């Protein structure tokens, strides 16, 4: 999976508005986590295995 490590910017800040926090959790994060097209899970021994959709 290609990574952009040279021109990458990440910002972290606290969310004080409950409506925005709920929206991010319910809409944005659920959508992001539902995408398993290139997802991998690291095993205890350091190997990665692909995530398979639950309907297969």
N, C-alpha and C. Protein backbone atom coordinates (compact mmCIF):
# COMPACT_ATOMS: atom_id res chain seq x y z
N UNK A 1 0.85 -1.16 0.00
CA UNK A 1 0.00 0.00 0.00
C UNK A 1 0.91 1.24 0.00
N UNK A 2 0.80 2.10 -1.01
CA UNK A 2 1.66 3.28 -1.05
C UNK A 2 1.32 4.27 0.06
N UNK A 3 2.34 4.94 0.55
CA UNK A 3 2.18 5.93 1.61
C UNK A 3 2.80 7.25 1.18
N UNK A 4 2.20 8.35 1.61
CA UNK A 4 2.76 9.67 1.38
C UNK A 4 3.34 10.15 2.70
N UNK A 5 4.62 9.91 2.92
CA UNK A 5 5.26 10.29 4.17
C UNK A 5 6.02 11.60 4.06
N UNK A 6 6.28 12.09 2.86
CA UNK A 6 7.06 13.31 2.68
C UNK A 6 6.23 14.59 2.72
N UNK A 7 4.99 14.53 2.25
CA UNK A 7 4.15 15.73 2.20
C UNK A 7 2.89 15.55 3.03
N UNK A 8 2.99 14.86 4.12
CA UNK A 8 1.83 14.50 4.93
C UNK A 8 1.72 15.43 6.14
N UNK A 9 0.51 15.88 6.41
CA UNK A 9 0.24 16.72 7.58
C UNK A 9 -0.94 16.11 8.32
N UNK A 10 -0.79 15.91 9.61
CA UNK A 10 -1.87 15.42 10.45
C UNK A 10 -2.08 16.39 11.60
N UNK A 11 -3.34 16.63 11.91
CA UNK A 11 -3.68 17.58 12.97
C UNK A 11 -4.61 16.88 13.96
N UNK A 12 -4.34 17.08 15.23
CA UNK A 12 -5.18 16.53 16.29
C UNK A 12 -5.64 17.68 17.17
N UNK A 13 -6.93 17.71 17.45
CA UNK A 13 -7.45 18.74 18.34
C UNK A 13 -8.68 18.19 19.05
N UNK A 14 -9.01 18.73 20.21
CA UNK A 14 -10.17 18.23 20.96
C UNK A 14 -11.49 18.68 20.33
N UNK A 15 -12.48 17.81 20.39
CA UNK A 15 -13.83 18.16 19.93
C UNK A 15 -14.68 18.49 21.15
N UNK A 16 -15.12 19.71 21.22
CA UNK A 16 -15.94 20.11 22.36
C UNK A 16 -17.42 20.15 22.03
N UNK A 17 -17.77 20.18 20.75
CA UNK A 17 -19.17 20.20 20.33
C UNK A 17 -19.65 18.75 20.15
N UNK A 18 -20.60 18.34 20.98
CA UNK A 18 -21.10 16.95 20.94
C UNK A 18 -21.74 16.60 19.60
N UNK A 19 -22.37 17.56 18.94
CA UNK A 19 -23.01 17.28 17.65
C UNK A 19 -21.96 16.92 16.59
N UNK A 20 -20.87 17.66 16.59
CA UNK A 20 -19.80 17.37 15.62
C UNK A 20 -19.15 16.03 15.95
N UNK A 21 -18.91 15.77 17.22
CA UNK A 21 -18.31 14.49 17.61
C UNK A 21 -19.21 13.32 17.22
N UNK A 22 -20.51 13.46 17.42
CA UNK A 22 -21.45 12.39 17.05
C UNK A 22 -21.47 12.18 15.55
N UNK A 23 -21.47 13.27 14.78
CA UNK A 23 -21.45 13.16 13.33
C UNK A 23 -20.19 12.45 12.85
N UNK A 24 -19.05 12.84 13.38
CA UNK A 24 -17.80 12.21 12.98
C UNK A 24 -17.78 10.73 13.32
N UNK A 25 -18.30 10.38 14.48
CA UNK A 25 -18.32 8.97 14.88
C UNK A 25 -19.33 8.16 14.08
N UNK A 26 -20.55 8.69 13.94
CA UNK A 26 -21.63 7.93 13.31
C UNK A 26 -21.55 7.90 11.78
N UNK A 27 -21.15 8.97 11.16
CA UNK A 27 -21.15 9.03 9.70
C UNK A 27 -19.75 8.81 9.12
N UNK A 28 -18.81 9.61 9.51
CA UNK A 28 -17.49 9.58 8.89
C UNK A 28 -16.70 8.34 9.29
N UNK A 29 -16.57 8.08 10.58
CA UNK A 29 -15.77 6.95 11.04
C UNK A 29 -16.36 5.61 10.62
N UNK A 30 -17.68 5.45 10.69
CA UNK A 30 -18.29 4.19 10.26
C UNK A 30 -18.04 3.92 8.78
N UNK A 31 -18.14 4.96 7.96
CA UNK A 31 -17.88 4.81 6.53
C UNK A 31 -16.42 4.45 6.28
N UNK A 32 -15.54 5.12 6.98
CA UNK A 32 -14.10 4.87 6.83
C UNK A 32 -13.75 3.43 7.22
N UNK A 33 -14.30 2.96 8.34
CA UNK A 33 -13.97 1.61 8.81
C UNK A 33 -14.66 0.51 8.00
N UNK A 34 -15.74 0.85 7.29
CA UNK A 34 -16.44 -0.15 6.48
C UNK A 34 -15.68 -0.49 5.20
N UNK A 35 -14.78 0.36 4.78
CA UNK A 35 -14.01 0.12 3.56
C UNK A 35 -12.89 -0.87 3.86
N UNK A 36 -13.03 -2.09 3.36
CA UNK A 36 -12.03 -3.13 3.61
C UNK A 36 -11.30 -3.53 2.33
N UNK A 37 -11.33 -2.70 1.29
CA UNK A 37 -10.74 -3.10 0.02
C UNK A 37 -9.24 -3.36 0.11
N UNK A 38 -8.52 -2.64 0.95
CA UNK A 38 -7.08 -2.87 1.10
C UNK A 38 -6.71 -3.10 2.57
N UNK A 39 -7.68 -3.44 3.39
CA UNK A 39 -7.45 -3.55 4.83
C UNK A 39 -6.64 -4.80 5.18
N UNK A 40 -5.80 -4.66 6.17
CA UNK A 40 -4.99 -5.76 6.70
C UNK A 40 -5.05 -5.70 8.23
N UNK A 41 -4.88 -6.84 8.86
CA UNK A 41 -4.80 -6.91 10.32
C UNK A 41 -3.47 -7.54 10.68
N UNK A 42 -2.73 -6.88 11.58
CA UNK A 42 -1.44 -7.41 11.98
C UNK A 42 -1.65 -8.52 13.00
N UNK A 43 -1.02 -9.65 12.75
CA UNK A 43 -1.10 -10.80 13.63
C UNK A 43 -0.05 -10.68 14.75
N UNK A 44 -0.18 -11.47 15.82
CA UNK A 44 0.77 -11.40 16.93
C UNK A 44 2.23 -11.63 16.51
N UNK A 45 2.44 -12.40 15.45
CA UNK A 45 3.81 -12.66 15.02
C UNK A 45 4.34 -11.61 14.04
N UNK A 46 3.56 -10.55 13.77
CA UNK A 46 4.00 -9.47 12.90
C UNK A 46 3.56 -9.61 11.46
N UNK A 47 2.99 -10.75 11.08
CA UNK A 47 2.48 -10.91 9.72
C UNK A 47 1.16 -10.15 9.58
N UNK A 48 0.82 -9.79 8.34
CA UNK A 48 -0.46 -9.14 8.06
C UNK A 48 -1.34 -10.09 7.26
N UNK A 49 -2.62 -10.14 7.58
CA UNK A 49 -3.58 -10.90 6.81
C UNK A 49 -4.66 -9.96 6.29
N UNK A 50 -5.17 -10.27 5.10
CA UNK A 50 -6.22 -9.43 4.50
C UNK A 50 -7.52 -9.58 5.26
N UNK A 51 -8.28 -8.50 5.31
CA UNK A 51 -9.63 -8.52 5.86
C UNK A 51 -10.57 -8.91 4.74
N UNK A 52 -11.38 -9.91 4.97
CA UNK A 52 -12.34 -10.37 3.96
C UNK A 52 -13.73 -9.86 4.34
N UNK A 53 -14.53 -9.44 3.36
CA UNK A 53 -15.92 -9.05 3.66
C UNK A 53 -16.66 -10.21 4.33
N UNK A 54 -17.58 -9.87 5.21
CA UNK A 54 -18.29 -10.91 5.97
C UNK A 54 -19.22 -11.75 5.12
N UNK A 55 -19.59 -11.29 3.91
CA UNK A 55 -20.51 -12.06 3.06
C UNK A 55 -19.78 -13.05 2.16
N UNK A 56 -18.46 -13.23 2.30
CA UNK A 56 -17.74 -14.19 1.46
C UNK A 56 -17.30 -15.39 2.26
